[in-house]
């Protein structure tokens, strides 16, 4: 009986510690819409207040998406840096509403057409990094990263 009580106590303490772990404030999800040839990056704000992300300012130390196309031989074709935009006009900061998902779409056909020598694309890979801050917190900005890779349409002449 005593051993059972000890085991139950240990189990309860472990389960409580799992539930007590803090959920990330901001999560990055990535996907590919093959019907429209679009990379989709979703930023999920899990807090009860707005989060602000700082867009790339050319230094590479802020929020950006790096996209590379690759052919069947593994040759990679970098396409440059993409910023997070909610409108046509670039902004230094983008506000993410509390407890909401914000979707950013990157049409790969447009990116592919602006990149020379990009043909017969087998897959797309890249990295998304987000530098964000929560105004009510005293700590400085937080950087999170996610890499992605998926099969994609082959490009011109498809």
Protein backbone atom coordinates (compact mmCIF):
# COMPACT_ATOMS: atom_id res chain seq x y z
CA UNK A 1 0.00 0.00 0.00
CA UNK A 2 2.80 2.38 0.90
CA UNK A 3 4.60 1.68 -2.38
CA UNK A 4 1.41 2.39 -4.35
CA UNK A 5 1.01 5.74 -2.60
CA UNK A 6 4.60 6.67 -3.42
CA UNK A 7 4.14 5.71 -7.07
CA UNK A 8 0.89 7.67 -7.31
CA UNK A 9 2.57 10.70 -5.71
CA UNK A 10 5.46 10.54 -8.18
CA UNK A 11 3.07 10.20 -11.10
CA UNK A 12 1.03 13.22 -9.92
CA UNK A 13 4.14 15.36 -9.47
CA UNK A 14 5.44 14.47 -12.93
CA UNK A 15 2.10 15.21 -14.58
CA UNK A 16 1.84 18.55 -12.76
CA UNK A 17 5.34 19.54 -13.89
CA UNK A 18 4.42 18.74 -17.50
CA UNK A 19 1.30 20.91 -17.30
CA UNK A 20 3.22 23.71 -15.58
CA UNK A 21 5.66 24.12 -18.46
CA UNK A 22 5.16 27.41 -20.21
CA UNK A 23 3.67 27.37 -23.68
CA UNK A 24 5.69 29.34 -26.25
CA UNK A 25 4.39 32.88 -26.77
CA UNK A 26 4.90 32.71 -30.52
CA UNK A 27 4.93 29.66 -32.76
CA UNK A 28 5.90 29.38 -36.43
CA UNK A 29 4.04 27.01 -38.75
CA UNK A 30 4.93 26.50 -42.39
CA UNK A 31 3.16 24.86 -45.28
CA UNK A 32 2.90 24.68 -49.04
CA UNK A 33 -0.25 25.24 -51.11
CA UNK A 34 0.58 23.15 -54.18
CA UNK A 35 -2.54 24.19 -56.09
CA UNK A 36 -1.44 27.84 -56.04
CA UNK A 37 2.34 27.30 -55.65
CA UNK A 38 2.44 29.40 -52.48
CA UNK A 39 4.62 29.10 -49.36
CA UNK A 40 2.50 29.81 -46.29
CA UNK A 41 4.03 30.93 -43.00
CA UNK A 42 1.63 31.23 -40.07
CA UNK A 43 2.65 33.01 -36.88
CA UNK A 44 0.58 31.93 -33.88
CA UNK A 45 0.31 34.35 -30.96
CA UNK A 46 -0.63 32.31 -27.88
CA UNK A 47 -0.62 35.27 -25.46
CA UNK A 48 -3.43 37.52 -24.28
CA UNK A 49 -1.70 40.61 -25.63
CA UNK A 50 -0.30 41.86 -28.91
CA UNK A 51 3.13 40.71 -30.04
CA UNK A 52 5.28 42.83 -32.35
CA UNK A 53 7.72 41.37 -34.81
CA UNK A 54 10.58 43.43 -36.20
CA UNK A 55 11.01 43.08 -39.97
CA UNK A 56 14.38 42.72 -41.62
CA UNK A 57 16.29 45.97 -41.87
CA UNK A 58 19.09 44.63 -44.05
CA UNK A 59 21.24 43.42 -41.17
CA UNK A 60 19.83 39.90 -41.07
CA UNK A 61 19.34 40.20 -37.31
CA UNK A 62 15.56 40.62 -37.40
CA UNK A 63 12.52 38.79 -38.82
CA UNK A 64 12.92 37.30 -42.28
CA UNK A 65 12.27 34.32 -44.51
CA UNK A 66 15.10 32.82 -46.56
CA UNK A 67 13.92 30.72 -49.51
CA UNK A 68 16.11 28.44 -51.62
CA UNK A 69 15.04 26.45 -54.64
CA UNK A 70 16.85 23.18 -55.37
CA UNK A 71 16.90 20.88 -58.39
CA UNK A 72 17.13 17.07 -58.49
CA UNK A 73 20.95 17.26 -58.46
CA UNK A 74 20.85 19.18 -55.18
CA UNK A 75 22.01 22.49 -56.67
CA UNK A 76 20.56 25.32 -54.62
CA UNK A 77 19.41 28.67 -55.93
CA UNK A 78 19.04 31.31 -53.20
CA UNK A 79 16.26 33.80 -53.84
CA UNK A 80 17.12 36.44 -51.28
CA UNK A 81 15.40 37.60 -48.14
CA UNK A 82 11.66 38.09 -47.73
CA UNK A 83 10.05 40.23 -45.03
CA UNK A 84 6.72 39.75 -43.27
CA UNK A 85 4.22 42.09 -44.92
CA UNK A 86 0.55 42.63 -44.12
CA UNK A 87 0.20 45.12 -46.97
CA UNK A 88 2.15 46.24 -50.03
CA UNK A 89 4.06 48.83 -48.02
CA UNK A 90 7.03 47.51 -46.02
CA UNK A 91 6.84 48.24 -42.30
CA UNK A 92 9.44 48.11 -39.58
CA UNK A 93 7.09 46.33 -37.14
CA UNK A 94 4.14 44.01 -37.67
CA UNK A 95 1.53 43.63 -34.94
CA UNK A 96 0.17 40.15 -34.21
CA UNK A 97 -3.21 40.21 -32.47
CA UNK A 98 -3.70 38.39 -29.14
CA UNK A 99 -4.67 34.71 -29.36
CA UNK A 100 -4.71 34.82 -33.16
CA UNK A 101 -3.00 33.36 -36.20
CA UNK A 102 -1.46 35.69 -38.76
CA UNK A 103 -0.89 34.18 -42.20
CA UNK A 104 1.80 35.37 -44.62
CA UNK A 105 1.83 34.09 -48.20
CA UNK A 106 4.85 33.99 -50.47
CA UNK A 107 3.89 33.18 -54.12
CA UNK A 108 6.77 31.00 -55.33
CA UNK A 109 5.95 31.58 -59.00
CA UNK A 110 6.69 35.30 -58.58
CA UNK A 111 9.88 34.56 -56.65
CA UNK A 112 10.94 31.95 -59.19
CA UNK A 113 10.32 34.31 -62.13
CA UNK A 114 12.50 36.99 -60.52
CA UNK A 115 15.39 34.55 -59.98
CA UNK A 116 17.60 33.82 -62.98
CA UNK A 117 18.54 30.24 -63.90
CA UNK A 118 15.87 28.61 -61.74
CA UNK A 119 14.43 25.66 -63.69
CA UNK A 120 13.33 22.13 -62.88
CA UNK A 121 12.78 22.76 -59.19
CA UNK A 122 12.47 19.57 -57.15
CA UNK A 123 12.02 21.10 -53.73
CA UNK A 124 12.03 24.32 -51.75
CA UNK A 125 13.84 24.74 -48.48
CA UNK A 126 14.39 27.66 -46.25
CA UNK A 127 14.49 29.21 -42.86
CA UNK A 128 12.13 31.50 -41.06
CA UNK A 129 13.41 33.59 -38.19
CA UNK A 130 11.24 35.90 -36.13
CA UNK A 131 12.49 38.57 -33.74
CA UNK A 132 9.59 39.60 -31.52
CA UNK A 133 8.77 41.41 -28.31
CA UNK A 134 5.83 41.73 -25.96
CA UNK A 135 5.48 45.38 -24.80
CA UNK A 136 4.49 44.49 -21.21
CA UNK A 137 7.63 42.40 -20.66
CA UNK A 138 10.84 44.01 -19.50
CA UNK A 139 13.09 41.56 -21.31
CA UNK A 140 14.48 42.40 -24.75
CA UNK A 141 13.31 40.83 -27.98
CA UNK A 142 13.25 37.06 -28.44
CA UNK A 143 14.47 35.26 -31.57
CA UNK A 144 12.88 31.99 -32.73
CA UNK A 145 13.67 30.00 -35.87
CA UNK A 146 12.14 27.25 -37.98
CA UNK A 147 13.45 25.46 -41.04
CA UNK A 148 11.23 23.97 -43.72
CA UNK A 149 11.54 21.78 -46.81
CA UNK A 150 8.88 20.54 -49.22
CA UNK A 151 8.44 19.30 -52.77
CA UNK A 152 7.30 22.03 -55.14
CA UNK A 153 6.19 22.63 -58.69
CA UNK A 154 9.03 22.65 -61.18
CA UNK A 155 8.71 26.22 -62.44
CA UNK A 156 8.43 27.74 -65.92
CA UNK A 157 6.88 25.46 -68.48
CA UNK A 158 5.06 23.34 -65.89
